[in-house]
Amino acid sequence: MDGLNDKFWSIRLIAIEKTAKLDVAHKTEGIEKIKLLAKNDPNSLVRSTALSYLATNLEGNQAEEIFKDRISNDQSYLVISA
């Protein structure tokens, strides 16, 4: 969980991937943090990875609002294509 808040973008990338291994109690908190990273992280690779994680780990249309927002408002083609 601490890695999701790290100041170095590469650590945040690794932390996103490792969030799938969290127990149920921490996984919900991790997903909420990843949603924030998808919207607000200054690094486009982190935002893109966060969106990919959400697409894989959320069911149905739980992340649809975030996806629509990023397609409409993000300036990075990497994020838009994710």
N, C-alpha and C. Protein backbone atom coordinates (compact mmCIF):
# COMPACT_ATOMS: atom_id res chain seq x y z
N MET A 1 0.82 -1.20 0.00
CA MET A 1 0.00 0.00 0.00
C MET A 1 0.87 1.26 0.00
N ASP A 2 1.97 1.21 0.71
CA ASP A 2 2.83 2.39 0.77
C ASP A 2 3.40 2.73 -0.61
N GLY A 3 3.63 1.71 -1.43
CA GLY A 3 4.18 1.93 -2.76
C GLY A 3 3.26 2.73 -3.66
N LEU A 4 1.96 2.66 -3.42
CA LEU A 4 1.01 3.44 -4.23
C LEU A 4 1.14 4.93 -3.97
N ASN A 5 1.75 5.29 -2.85
CA ASN A 5 1.94 6.70 -2.50
C ASN A 5 3.38 7.17 -2.69
N ASP A 6 4.24 6.31 -3.20
CA ASP A 6 5.66 6.65 -3.35
C ASP A 6 5.84 7.81 -4.32
N LYS A 7 6.86 8.63 -4.09
CA LYS A 7 7.09 9.77 -4.97
C LYS A 7 7.73 9.38 -6.29
N PHE A 8 8.33 8.18 -6.35
CA PHE A 8 8.97 7.73 -7.59
C PHE A 8 7.97 6.93 -8.41
N TRP A 9 7.76 7.33 -9.66
CA TRP A 9 6.73 6.73 -10.49
C TRP A 9 6.93 5.23 -10.73
N SER A 10 8.16 4.79 -10.81
CA SER A 10 8.43 3.37 -11.06
C SER A 10 7.96 2.50 -9.89
N ILE A 11 8.09 3.00 -8.69
CA ILE A 11 7.62 2.27 -7.51
C ILE A 11 6.09 2.19 -7.55
N ARG A 12 5.44 3.27 -7.97
CA ARG A 12 3.98 3.25 -8.06
C ARG A 12 3.52 2.21 -9.09
N LEU A 13 4.25 2.07 -10.21
CA LEU A 13 3.91 1.05 -11.21
C LEU A 13 3.97 -0.35 -10.61
N ILE A 14 5.04 -0.65 -9.92
CA ILE A 14 5.20 -1.96 -9.30
C ILE A 14 4.10 -2.20 -8.26
N ALA A 15 3.78 -1.18 -7.50
CA ALA A 15 2.75 -1.30 -6.46
C ALA A 15 1.38 -1.59 -7.06
N ILE A 16 1.08 -0.99 -8.21
CA ILE A 16 -0.19 -1.26 -8.88
C ILE A 16 -0.29 -2.75 -9.22
N GLU A 17 0.78 -3.29 -9.78
CA GLU A 17 0.78 -4.70 -10.16
C GLU A 17 0.65 -5.60 -8.94
N LYS A 18 1.24 -5.22 -7.83
CA LYS A 18 1.23 -6.04 -6.62
C LYS A 18 -0.08 -5.93 -5.83
N THR A 19 -0.92 -4.97 -6.16
CA THR A 19 -2.17 -4.78 -5.45
C THR A 19 -3.07 -6.01 -5.57
N ALA A 20 -2.95 -6.75 -6.65
CA ALA A 20 -3.77 -7.96 -6.83
C ALA A 20 -3.50 -8.99 -5.74
N LYS A 21 -2.35 -8.92 -5.09
CA LYS A 21 -1.99 -9.89 -4.06
C LYS A 21 -2.42 -9.47 -2.64
N LEU A 22 -3.05 -8.32 -2.52
CA LEU A 22 -3.49 -7.86 -1.20
C LEU A 22 -4.65 -8.70 -0.69
N ASP A 23 -4.78 -8.78 0.63
CA ASP A 23 -5.94 -9.47 1.19
C ASP A 23 -7.18 -8.61 0.99
N VAL A 24 -8.32 -9.20 1.21
CA VAL A 24 -9.59 -8.53 0.94
C VAL A 24 -9.73 -7.22 1.69
N ALA A 25 -9.28 -7.18 2.92
CA ALA A 25 -9.41 -5.97 3.74
C ALA A 25 -8.65 -4.79 3.13
N HIS A 26 -7.51 -5.04 2.54
CA HIS A 26 -6.70 -3.96 1.98
C HIS A 26 -6.94 -3.75 0.48
N LYS A 27 -7.50 -4.75 -0.17
CA LYS A 27 -7.68 -4.66 -1.62
C LYS A 27 -8.65 -3.53 -2.00
N THR A 28 -9.72 -3.37 -1.24
CA THR A 28 -10.68 -2.29 -1.52
C THR A 28 -10.00 -0.93 -1.41
N GLU A 29 -9.20 -0.76 -0.38
CA GLU A 29 -8.46 0.50 -0.21
C GLU A 29 -7.47 0.70 -1.35
N GLY A 30 -6.82 -0.37 -1.77
CA GLY A 30 -5.88 -0.31 -2.88
C GLY A 30 -6.54 0.08 -4.18
N ILE A 31 -7.71 -0.48 -4.45
CA ILE A 31 -8.44 -0.15 -5.68
C ILE A 31 -8.86 1.32 -5.67
N GLU A 32 -9.29 1.82 -4.53
CA GLU A 32 -9.66 3.24 -4.46
C GLU A 32 -8.45 4.14 -4.75
N LYS A 33 -7.29 3.77 -4.23
CA LYS A 33 -6.07 4.53 -4.48
C LYS A 33 -5.69 4.45 -5.96
N ILE A 34 -5.86 3.28 -6.57
CA ILE A 34 -5.54 3.12 -7.99
C ILE A 34 -6.49 3.97 -8.85
N LYS A 35 -7.73 4.09 -8.44
CA LYS A 35 -8.66 4.97 -9.16
C LYS A 35 -8.15 6.41 -9.14
N LEU A 36 -7.63 6.83 -7.99
CA LEU A 36 -7.08 8.19 -7.89
C LEU A 36 -5.83 8.34 -8.76
N LEU A 37 -4.99 7.32 -8.79
CA LEU A 37 -3.80 7.36 -9.64
C LEU A 37 -4.19 7.45 -11.11
N ALA A 38 -5.23 6.73 -11.50
CA ALA A 38 -5.69 6.75 -12.89
C ALA A 38 -6.14 8.15 -13.31
N LYS A 39 -6.67 8.90 -12.38
CA LYS A 39 -7.16 10.25 -12.68
C LYS A 39 -6.11 11.33 -12.50
N ASN A 40 -5.25 11.19 -11.49
CA ASN A 40 -4.44 12.33 -11.06
C ASN A 40 -2.93 12.18 -11.13
N ASP A 41 -2.42 10.99 -11.41
CA ASP A 41 -0.97 10.83 -11.37
C ASP A 41 -0.30 11.68 -12.45
N PRO A 42 0.81 12.34 -12.14
CA PRO A 42 1.49 13.16 -13.14
C PRO A 42 2.17 12.36 -14.24
N ASN A 43 2.41 11.07 -14.02
CA ASN A 43 3.09 10.24 -15.01
C ASN A 43 2.05 9.47 -15.83
N SER A 44 2.08 9.62 -17.15
CA SER A 44 1.08 8.98 -18.01
C SER A 44 1.18 7.46 -18.00
N LEU A 45 2.37 6.92 -17.80
CA LEU A 45 2.53 5.46 -17.73
C LEU A 45 1.84 4.90 -16.48
N VAL A 46 1.91 5.62 -15.40
CA VAL A 46 1.22 5.20 -14.17
C VAL A 46 -0.29 5.27 -14.39
N ARG A 47 -0.78 6.34 -15.00
CA ARG A 47 -2.22 6.46 -15.26
C ARG A 47 -2.70 5.33 -16.16
N SER A 48 -1.93 5.04 -17.20
CA SER A 48 -2.28 3.97 -18.13
C SER A 48 -2.30 2.60 -17.45
N THR A 49 -1.29 2.32 -16.65
CA THR A 49 -1.22 1.06 -15.93
C THR A 49 -2.36 0.93 -14.93
N ALA A 50 -2.70 2.02 -14.27
CA ALA A 50 -3.82 2.01 -13.33
C ALA A 50 -5.13 1.68 -14.05
N LEU A 51 -5.34 2.26 -15.22
CA LEU A 51 -6.55 1.97 -15.98
C LEU A 51 -6.59 0.51 -16.41
N SER A 52 -5.47 -0.02 -16.85
CA SER A 52 -5.42 -1.43 -17.24
C SER A 52 -5.72 -2.34 -16.06
N TYR A 53 -5.19 -1.99 -14.90
CA TYR A 53 -5.46 -2.77 -13.69
C TYR A 53 -6.96 -2.76 -13.37
N LEU A 54 -7.56 -1.58 -13.44
CA LEU A 54 -8.98 -1.47 -13.14
C LEU A 54 -9.83 -2.25 -14.13
N ALA A 55 -9.45 -2.24 -15.39
CA ALA A 55 -10.20 -2.98 -16.40
C ALA A 55 -10.15 -4.48 -16.13
N THR A 56 -9.04 -4.95 -15.61
CA THR A 56 -8.86 -6.37 -15.35
C THR A 56 -9.50 -6.80 -14.03
N ASN A 57 -9.51 -5.93 -13.04
CA ASN A 57 -9.89 -6.33 -11.69
C ASN A 57 -11.25 -5.84 -11.20
N LEU A 58 -11.93 -5.04 -11.98
CA LEU A 58 -13.27 -4.61 -11.60
C LEU A 58 -14.29 -5.29 -12.51
N GLU A 59 -15.42 -5.61 -11.95
CA GLU A 59 -16.46 -6.29 -12.70
C GLU A 59 -17.44 -5.30 -13.31
N GLY A 60 -18.03 -5.73 -14.42
CA GLY A 60 -19.09 -4.94 -15.04
C GLY A 60 -18.65 -3.53 -15.39
N ASN A 61 -19.48 -2.59 -15.04
CA ASN A 61 -19.20 -1.20 -15.39
C ASN A 61 -18.76 -0.37 -14.18
N GLN A 62 -18.09 -1.00 -13.20
CA GLN A 62 -17.64 -0.28 -12.01
C GLN A 62 -16.64 0.82 -12.34
N ALA A 63 -15.88 0.66 -13.40
CA ALA A 63 -14.87 1.65 -13.75
C ALA A 63 -15.25 2.47 -14.98
N GLU A 64 -16.45 2.29 -15.47
CA GLU A 64 -16.86 2.96 -16.70
C GLU A 64 -16.75 4.48 -16.61
N GLU A 65 -17.12 5.05 -15.48
CA GLU A 65 -17.04 6.51 -15.30
C GLU A 65 -15.60 7.00 -15.43
N ILE A 66 -14.67 6.29 -14.83
CA ILE A 66 -13.26 6.66 -14.91
C ILE A 66 -12.76 6.56 -16.35
N PHE A 67 -13.14 5.49 -17.04
CA PHE A 67 -12.70 5.32 -18.43
C PHE A 67 -13.21 6.45 -19.32
N LYS A 68 -14.49 6.78 -19.17
CA LYS A 68 -15.06 7.87 -19.97
C LYS A 68 -14.37 9.20 -19.66
N ASP A 69 -14.10 9.44 -18.39
CA ASP A 69 -13.42 10.67 -17.98
C ASP A 69 -12.03 10.76 -18.59
N ARG A 70 -11.27 9.67 -18.54
CA ARG A 70 -9.90 9.68 -19.07
C ARG A 70 -9.89 9.82 -20.59
N ILE A 71 -10.85 9.21 -21.28
CA ILE A 71 -10.92 9.35 -22.74
C ILE A 71 -11.22 10.80 -23.11
N SER A 72 -12.08 11.43 -22.35
CA SER A 72 -12.47 12.82 -22.64
C SER A 72 -11.44 13.85 -22.20
N ASN A 73 -10.73 13.59 -21.11
CA ASN A 73 -9.94 14.66 -20.49
C ASN A 73 -8.44 14.45 -20.44
N ASP A 74 -7.96 13.25 -20.72
CA ASP A 74 -6.52 13.04 -20.61
C ASP A 74 -5.84 13.47 -21.92
N GLN A 75 -4.65 14.01 -21.80
CA GLN A 75 -3.93 14.49 -22.97
C GLN A 75 -2.94 13.47 -23.52
N SER A 76 -2.76 12.38 -22.80
CA SER A 76 -1.80 11.36 -23.20
C SER A 76 -2.48 10.29 -24.07
N TYR A 77 -1.93 10.04 -25.25
CA TYR A 77 -2.49 8.99 -26.11
C TYR A 77 -2.32 7.62 -25.47
N LEU A 78 -1.28 7.44 -24.68
CA LEU A 78 -1.05 6.18 -23.98
C LEU A 78 -2.22 5.90 -23.03
N VAL A 79 -2.66 6.91 -22.32
CA VAL A 79 -3.77 6.75 -21.37
C VAL A 79 -5.09 6.55 -22.12
N ILE A 80 -5.31 7.32 -23.15
CA ILE A 80 -6.54 7.21 -23.92
C ILE A 80 -6.68 5.82 -24.54
N SER A 81 -5.58 5.29 -25.06
CA SER A 81 -5.64 3.97 -25.69
C SER A 81 -5.82 2.86 -24.66
N ALA A 82 -5.36 3.09 -23.43
CA ALA A 82 -5.54 2.06 -22.38
C ALA A 82 -7.03 1.93 -22.06
